[in-house]
Protein backbone atom coordinates (compact mmCIF):
# COMPACT_ATOMS: atom_id res chain seq x y z
CA MET A 1 0.00 0.00 0.00
CA THR A 2 1.43 3.36 -0.96
CA LYS A 3 1.79 6.29 1.38
CA ARG A 4 -0.99 8.13 -0.43
CA MET A 5 -3.45 5.25 -0.07
CA THR A 6 -2.53 4.83 3.59
CA ARG A 7 -3.21 8.51 4.20
CA ILE A 8 -6.59 8.35 2.44
CA LEU A 9 -7.61 5.21 4.36
CA LEU A 10 -6.59 6.67 7.74
CA THR A 11 -8.37 9.93 6.94
CA ILE A 12 -11.58 8.03 6.15
CA LEU A 13 -11.27 6.04 9.39
CA MET A 14 -10.60 9.23 11.34
CA TYR A 15 -13.78 10.83 10.02
CA ALA A 16 -15.68 7.60 10.65
CA GLY A 17 -14.72 8.03 14.30
CA VAL A 18 -16.30 11.49 14.21
CA VAL A 19 -19.48 10.00 12.73
CA VAL A 20 -19.58 7.36 15.50
CA PHE A 21 -19.07 10.15 18.04
CA LEU A 22 -22.03 12.11 16.63
CA PHE A 23 -24.31 9.10 16.04
CA PRO A 24 -26.33 9.46 19.29
CA TYR A 25 -27.15 13.08 18.43
CA PHE A 26 -28.51 12.10 15.02
CA THR A 27 -30.62 9.21 16.32
CA GLY A 28 -31.77 10.81 19.56
CA ARG A 29 -30.66 7.86 21.69
CA ILE A 30 -28.65 9.51 24.41
CA SER A 31 -28.73 6.44 26.68
CA THR A 32 -25.95 4.80 24.65
CA GLY A 33 -24.32 8.12 23.89
CA VAL A 34 -21.47 7.86 26.36
CA LEU A 35 -20.23 4.59 24.89
CA PHE A 36 -20.41 5.97 21.34
CA MET A 37 -18.62 9.15 22.42
CA ILE A 38 -15.76 7.20 24.00
CA ILE A 39 -15.39 4.84 21.04
CA GLY A 40 -15.70 7.62 18.46
CA ALA A 41 -13.29 9.98 20.18
CA GLY A 42 -10.79 7.19 20.78
CA ALA A 43 -10.92 6.07 17.16
CA THR A 44 -10.52 9.64 15.91
CA VAL A 45 -7.49 10.26 18.08
CA VAL A 46 -5.82 6.91 17.33
CA PHE A 47 -6.32 7.13 13.55
CA GLY A 48 -5.31 10.80 13.53
CA ILE A 49 -2.06 10.03 15.33
CA LEU A 50 -1.40 7.04 13.06
CA ARG A 51 -2.03 9.23 10.02
CA CYS A 52 0.38 11.79 11.31
CA TYR A 53 3.17 9.34 12.12
CA LEU A 54 2.79 7.04 9.11
CA THR A 55 2.17 9.53 6.31
CA GLU A 56 3.21 13.04 7.30
CA GLY A 57 6.68 12.35 8.64
CA ASP A 58 6.92 15.59 10.60
CA CYS A 59 5.20 14.55 13.82
CA GLY A 60 8.27 13.28 15.64
CA ARG A 61 10.57 15.20 17.90
CA ILE A 62 12.36 18.21 16.51
CA PRO A 63 16.05 17.41 16.18
CA HIS A 64 18.15 19.43 18.56
CA HIS A 65 21.58 20.03 17.09
CA SER A 66 22.88 22.96 19.07
CA ARG A 67 22.19 25.05 22.12
CA ASP A 68 19.21 27.34 22.00
CA TRP A 69 20.50 30.00 24.31
């Protein structure tokens, strides 16, 4: 799988987490809302971090070569 396809797939999964997070508001079933909010927010964060680390390449630590003072 290329880097571009990985980025597209992780972006879709990240937005799917947002949809899961908002699902109780669309259906009006707030009784299961907490579970959906936890799962949706967790999926969004995990897939967003994976997208950043696997495709962007600039999410790691900034290299420190010299003194900053």
